[in-house]
Protein backbone atom coordinates (compact mmCIF):
# COMPACT_ATOMS: atom_id res chain seq x y z
CA MET A 1 153.35 84.83 147.55
CA SER A 2 151.67 87.42 149.60
CA VAL A 3 151.78 91.22 149.70
CA PRO A 4 152.20 92.54 152.94
CA ARG A 5 149.36 94.84 154.35
CA THR A 6 151.27 97.95 154.21
CA CYS A 7 152.73 97.42 150.89
CA GLU A 8 149.53 97.44 149.29
CA ALA A 9 148.84 100.62 147.12
CA ARG A 10 146.46 103.47 148.72
CA PHE A 11 145.70 106.90 148.18
CA ALA A 12 144.50 107.96 151.59
CA GLY A 13 146.55 109.96 153.72
CA PRO A 14 150.22 111.13 153.91
CA PRO A 15 153.15 108.65 152.93
CA GLN A 16 154.57 106.87 155.98
CA THR A 17 158.09 108.17 156.88
CA LEU A 18 160.50 105.34 157.46
CA ARG A 19 164.20 104.92 158.79
CA ALA A 20 166.31 102.40 156.53
CA LEU A 21 167.90 99.87 158.82
CA GLU A 22 170.02 97.56 156.28
CA HIS A 23 170.88 97.75 152.81
CA ILE A 24 170.05 94.55 150.69
CA ARG A 25 171.40 94.95 147.26
CA ARG A 26 171.72 97.45 144.20
CA MET A 27 168.88 97.68 141.68
CA ARG A 28 169.00 98.01 137.97
CA GLY A 29 168.02 101.03 136.17
CA GLY A 30 169.05 104.56 135.64
CA ALA A 31 168.43 106.10 138.72
CA GLN A 32 170.55 103.54 140.64
CA SER A 33 168.42 102.46 143.16
CA HIS A 34 168.85 100.27 146.39
CA LEU A 35 166.72 97.75 147.86
CA MET A 36 166.62 98.33 151.39
CA ARG A 37 164.95 96.99 154.71
CA CYS A 38 163.19 99.59 156.61
CA SER A 39 161.70 100.27 160.18
CA ASP A 40 158.26 98.64 159.17
CA GLU A 41 160.11 95.41 158.35
CA ASN A 42 159.16 96.04 154.88
CA CYS A 43 161.71 96.20 152.11
CA TYR A 44 161.65 99.18 149.92
CA VAL A 45 163.16 100.37 146.61
CA VAL A 46 164.82 103.53 147.32
CA LYS A 47 165.71 106.31 145.20
CA PHE A 48 168.12 108.86 146.20
CA GLN A 49 167.93 112.46 146.27
CA ASN A 50 171.35 112.77 144.04
CA ASN A 51 170.46 109.93 141.83
CA PRO A 52 172.10 110.42 138.06
CA GLN A 53 168.45 111.27 136.54
CA HIS A 54 167.12 114.40 138.57
CA SER A 55 166.21 114.92 142.25
CA ARG A 56 162.70 115.58 140.65
CA VAL A 57 162.05 112.13 139.89
CA LEU A 58 161.40 111.39 143.66
CA VAL A 59 158.61 113.91 143.54
CA ASN A 60 157.20 112.13 140.15
CA GLU A 61 157.36 108.85 141.97
CA LEU A 62 155.52 110.12 144.94
CA LEU A 63 152.83 112.15 142.98
CA GLY A 64 152.47 109.73 140.02
CA THR A 65 152.09 106.85 142.46
CA LYS A 66 149.53 108.60 144.57
CA LEU A 67 148.03 109.71 141.39
CA ALA A 68 147.70 106.10 139.70
CA ALA A 69 146.40 104.79 143.38
CA LEU A 70 143.70 107.45 142.47
CA LEU A 71 142.46 105.93 139.51
CA GLY A 72 142.59 102.39 140.96
CA LEU A 73 145.56 101.41 139.53
CA PRO A 74 147.78 98.48 140.78
CA THR A 75 150.87 100.04 142.43
CA THR A 76 152.80 99.42 145.56
CA ALA A 77 152.76 101.64 148.75
CA VAL A 78 155.07 104.72 148.79
CA ALA A 79 157.03 105.73 151.66
CA VAL A 80 159.53 108.68 152.81
CA ILE A 81 162.60 106.92 153.55
CA GLU A 82 165.07 108.52 156.12
CA VAL A 83 168.57 107.35 155.48
CA ASP A 84 171.24 108.40 158.07
CA GLY A 85 174.91 109.18 156.67
CA GLU A 86 176.25 106.65 159.18
CA LEU A 87 174.65 103.70 157.40
CA ILE A 88 175.98 105.28 153.98
CA ARG A 89 179.47 105.86 155.31
CA LEU A 90 179.25 101.92 156.55
CA THR A 91 177.77 100.73 153.29
CA THR A 92 180.15 100.27 150.29
CA ASP A 93 177.50 99.74 147.87
CA LEU A 94 175.38 102.69 148.81
CA HIS A 95 176.90 105.05 146.04
CA PHE A 96 176.26 105.84 142.47
CA GLU A 97 178.60 104.97 139.65
CA MET A 98 178.99 107.99 137.30
CA PRO A 99 180.70 108.48 134.05
CA LEU A 100 183.87 110.70 134.02
CA THR A 101 185.53 110.39 130.69
CA GLY A 102 186.11 107.56 128.27
CA TYR A 103 185.66 104.51 130.15
CA CYS A 104 186.64 106.06 133.27
CA ARG A 105 183.90 106.05 136.05
CA THR A 106 183.77 107.28 139.68
CA ARG A 107 181.70 106.54 142.84
CA ILE A 108 179.81 109.37 144.53
CA PRO A 109 178.18 108.46 148.04
CA CYS A 110 174.23 108.53 148.18
CA LYS A 111 173.30 111.64 149.84
CA PRO A 112 171.90 111.27 153.48
CA GLY A 113 168.39 112.54 154.13
CA LEU A 114 164.68 111.80 153.18
CA GLN A 115 164.63 109.61 150.02
CA PHE A 116 161.68 107.74 147.99
CA GLY A 117 160.69 104.42 148.73
CA SER A 118 158.40 101.81 146.79
CA CYS A 119 157.61 98.66 148.85
CA TYR A 120 158.62 95.34 147.68
CA PRO A 121 155.47 93.27 147.41
CA GLY A 122 156.95 90.41 149.04
CA ASP A 123 159.85 89.17 151.06
CA PRO A 124 162.74 89.45 148.69
CA HIS A 125 164.57 86.54 149.81
CA TYR A 126 161.65 83.99 148.59
CA LEU A 127 159.91 86.11 146.11
CA THR A 128 161.34 86.83 142.81
CA LEU A 129 159.73 89.46 140.75
CA LEU A 130 159.65 89.33 136.78
CA ASP A 131 159.97 92.20 134.73
CA LEU A 132 159.04 90.14 131.40
CA LEU A 133 156.62 87.62 130.89
CA PRO A 134 155.75 85.61 127.37
CA ASP A 135 152.40 86.63 125.46
CA LYS A 136 150.45 83.69 126.39
CA GLN A 137 150.92 84.43 130.43
CA LEU A 138 150.54 88.16 129.76
CA SER A 139 146.99 86.90 128.29
CA SER A 140 145.97 85.55 131.43
CA LEU A 141 146.83 88.22 133.93
CA ARG A 142 144.62 88.46 137.00
CA ASN A 143 144.83 92.34 136.37
CA LEU A 144 145.21 92.60 132.17
CA SER A 145 142.60 95.39 132.21
CA ASP A 146 144.72 97.48 134.52
CA PHE A 147 147.11 98.10 131.28
CA VAL A 148 144.07 100.02 129.41
CA GLY A 149 143.84 102.29 132.78
CA MET A 150 147.72 102.59 133.03
CA LEU A 151 147.71 103.92 129.35
CA VAL A 152 145.18 106.70 130.30
CA PHE A 153 147.52 107.60 133.13
CA ASP A 154 150.70 107.58 131.38
CA LEU A 155 149.18 109.85 128.45
CA TRP A 156 147.84 112.29 131.21
CA THR A 157 151.30 112.20 133.08
CA CYS A 158 153.23 112.27 129.81
CA ASN A 159 155.49 109.53 130.72
CA THR A 160 158.44 109.53 128.32
CA ASP A 161 159.97 106.40 129.28
CA GLY A 162 157.24 103.87 128.34
CA ARG A 163 155.29 101.73 131.14
CA GLN A 164 157.53 99.84 133.40
CA VAL A 165 155.91 96.57 134.80
CA ILE A 166 156.75 93.81 137.40
CA PHE A 167 154.89 90.63 138.06
CA GLY A 168 154.51 87.95 140.43
CA ARG A 169 152.52 85.35 141.73
CA GLN A 170 150.99 83.15 144.62
CA GLU A 171 152.22 79.82 143.74
CA VAL A 172 153.37 77.65 140.46
CA GLY A 173 150.85 77.32 138.15
CA THR A 174 148.51 80.53 139.23
CA ALA A 175 147.91 83.60 137.18
CA TYR A 176 150.51 86.14 137.37
CA GLN A 177 149.64 89.56 139.14
CA ALA A 178 151.10 92.92 137.39
CA TRP A 179 152.25 95.86 139.50
CA MET A 180 152.81 99.19 137.67
CA ILE A 181 156.06 100.78 138.82
CA ASP A 182 158.40 103.48 138.02
CA GLN A 183 156.57 106.70 137.59
CA GLY A 184 159.83 108.70 137.56
CA PHE A 185 159.78 109.90 134.03
CA CYS A 186 156.21 111.16 134.45
CA PHE A 187 155.75 114.80 133.53
CA ASN A 188 159.10 114.52 131.34
CA ALA A 189 161.60 113.42 134.18
CA GLY A 190 163.32 116.45 135.66
CA GLU A 191 162.09 118.76 132.80
CA TRP A 192 158.49 118.95 134.23
CA ASN A 193 156.62 119.58 130.88
CA PHE A 194 154.49 117.77 128.55
CA PRO A 195 155.89 116.78 125.14
CA ASP A 196 153.32 114.62 123.79
CA LYS A 197 154.03 111.80 121.79
CA PRO A 198 151.59 109.38 122.78
CA ARG A 199 153.21 106.18 121.02
CA ARG A 200 156.10 106.46 123.67
CA SER A 201 153.54 105.76 126.83
CA PHE A 202 152.71 102.33 125.43
CA TYR A 203 153.85 99.06 127.23
CA GLY A 204 156.10 97.26 124.80
CA ARG A 205 154.05 94.25 124.10
CA ALA A 206 150.45 94.95 121.92
CA VAL A 207 148.97 91.77 123.49
CA VAL A 208 148.02 93.67 126.42
CA TYR A 209 146.04 96.09 124.16
CA GLU A 210 144.03 93.42 122.09
CA GLN A 211 141.33 93.88 124.79
CA VAL A 212 140.39 97.81 123.32
CA SER A 213 137.59 97.81 121.28
CA GLY A 214 137.18 101.54 121.54
CA PHE A 215 136.69 104.38 123.88
CA GLU A 216 133.95 102.62 126.25
CA THR A 217 137.09 100.22 127.04
CA PHE A 218 138.99 103.09 128.68
CA GLU A 219 135.78 104.60 130.17
CA PRO A 220 136.15 103.81 133.87
CA TRP A 221 139.27 105.49 134.34
CA LEU A 222 138.28 108.29 131.97
CA ASP A 223 135.43 109.10 134.22
CA LEU A 224 137.54 108.95 136.97
CA LEU A 225 139.94 111.45 135.82
CA GLU A 226 137.40 113.93 134.51
CA SER A 227 134.99 113.62 137.05
CA GLU A 228 136.56 112.58 140.62
CA ILE A 229 140.13 114.03 140.62
CA ASP A 230 140.46 117.83 140.91
CA ALA A 231 143.01 120.64 141.81
CA GLN A 232 142.53 120.30 145.39
CA MET A 233 143.23 116.67 145.58
CA LEU A 234 146.60 117.66 143.42
CA LEU A 235 147.34 120.04 146.11
CA GLU A 236 146.77 117.74 149.14
CA ILE A 237 149.29 115.29 147.44
CA ALA A 238 151.82 118.21 146.80
CA LYS A 239 151.89 119.19 150.19
CA THR A 240 153.01 115.67 151.55
CA ILE A 241 156.24 115.91 149.10
CA PRO A 242 159.42 116.72 150.98
CA PRO A 243 160.45 120.41 149.58
CA GLU A 244 164.20 119.29 149.20
CA TRP A 245 163.06 116.78 146.47
CA TYR A 246 161.92 119.93 144.17
CA GLU A 247 164.91 122.30 145.69
CA PHE A 248 162.02 124.34 147.52
CA ASP A 249 160.94 125.56 143.95
CA SER A 250 157.12 125.81 144.97
CA GLU A 251 156.38 127.84 141.72
CA SER A 252 157.76 125.29 139.65
CA LEU A 253 155.50 122.47 141.24
CA HIS A 254 152.58 124.81 141.25
CA ARG A 255 153.03 125.09 137.44
CA LEU A 256 152.98 121.43 137.19
CA LEU A 257 149.97 120.88 139.20
CA GLU A 258 148.13 123.48 136.84
CA GLN A 259 149.16 121.80 133.82
CA LEU A 260 148.21 118.28 135.17
CA ASP A 261 144.84 119.41 136.20
CA SER A 262 144.33 121.15 132.80
CA ARG A 263 145.04 118.16 130.96
CA ARG A 264 142.46 115.91 132.42
CA GLY A 265 140.33 116.96 129.52
CA ARG A 266 142.97 116.24 126.52
CA VAL A 267 143.21 112.35 127.59
CA ARG A 268 140.67 111.32 124.97
CA GLU A 269 142.28 113.57 122.58
CA LEU A 270 145.76 111.71 123.25
CA LEU A 271 143.94 108.37 123.34
CA TRP A 272 142.92 108.93 119.64
CA SER A 273 146.14 110.11 118.55
CA ALA A 274 147.71 106.74 119.92
CA ARG A 275 145.53 105.11 117.99
CA LYS A 276 145.95 106.70 114.74
CA SER A 277 149.92 106.91 115.39
CA SER A 278 149.84 103.04 116.02
CA PRO A 279 146.99 101.09 115.04
CA HIS A 280 148.69 97.55 115.12
CA PHE A 281 148.60 98.35 119.09
CA PHE A 282 144.68 97.84 118.68
CA PRO A 283 143.69 95.31 116.30
CA ASN A 284 140.08 94.94 117.64
CA TRP A 285 139.81 99.44 117.43
CA THR A 286 138.46 99.78 114.23
CA GLU A 287 136.82 102.31 112.19
CA GLU A 288 134.07 100.11 112.16
CA ASN A 289 133.39 100.19 115.63
CA GLU A 290 134.59 103.76 116.47
CA THR A 291 134.84 106.50 113.86
CA GLU A 292 136.65 109.80 113.99
CA GLY A 293 133.19 111.37 114.04
CA ASP A 294 132.00 109.44 117.06
CA ASN A 295 134.98 111.27 118.84
CA ASN A 296 133.33 114.60 119.48
CA HIS A 297 134.11 113.53 123.04
CA ALA A 298 137.92 113.05 122.33
CA SER A 299 138.42 116.88 123.47
CA ARG A 300 136.00 116.96 126.21
CA ASN A 301 136.95 119.52 128.58
CA SER A 302 135.18 119.18 131.96
CA ASN A 303 137.80 120.79 134.16
CA ASP A 304 135.76 123.27 136.07
CA ALA A 305 138.11 123.43 139.18
CA THR A 306 140.77 125.58 138.78
CA PHE A 307 143.86 126.59 141.01
CA SER A 308 143.28 129.46 143.00
CA ARG A 309 146.61 131.61 143.93
CA SER A 310 145.27 131.85 147.49
CA ASP A 311 146.27 127.90 147.68
CA GLN A 312 149.88 128.76 147.30
CA LEU A 313 152.49 125.69 147.57
CA ASP A 314 154.94 127.68 150.07
CA ASP A 315 152.59 125.87 152.64
CA CYS A 316 153.93 122.27 151.26
CA SER A 317 156.10 120.67 153.79
CA ARG A 318 157.36 117.25 154.46
CA PRO A 319 154.90 115.02 156.33
CA ASP A 320 154.66 115.30 160.26
């Protein structure tokens, strides 16, 4: 299994805008996504604007995945996918199953226009991705340490859905690779607020956190978050988001970015809260190797950059 070059996660530049050419299959999950072949000949998991969760989850996916890539975390490339109304009309599976009353359900056609796409990391006809692995295989992942970095990300962005991961490998007998997917419930999904309950942000298997011995384990990602990411970076990503995804409500998007920027200095505090509320997830992070007194930096606020009202998100527009 090899990852197509264009499907490697990257931060630089706006996302590509591609055309959907062919529907492949429906995907599981609350957003009722669809796997589609697109004009770059790669396949993408496509979330539609009128998905059952909220149109804002498309914003969350694009913004969240770009931010995770900024932290060097293993995500797949994102794209803006244009889906033509004629393709939807001719493809019976391009609809949503929506509940009515009781056991009754109705079909709602997918909305044409610009959608969010996450690149499938390989050829879906030959590569089977897994969403669960036994603990023994989890422990031998090629990129096990990225679960630690992803916890930093999920606490920063207040992911309220728990960490979603897919796994693949080059060939039988080799170690699996993990990709961190589904950022739709960052920022509390369509609510765009931050009801912090740190234990919700864990991946469901504690074995991936056995490597944590204290704050020093998180330092590579904390350092990037606190020192390298700033308000201007957030604004630059926001300008690549199609405004129809946030219903042209640039003020709400601006407030979201302001809160994100201000939260960069709170993640140590949130990590400490996660450790205190769920110590069984961190068997090697003990009072002996890190006391609360050592946690003076847990409330570090190193955010010197602030949003200027001259940087109005009214300028946000879809990519050229």
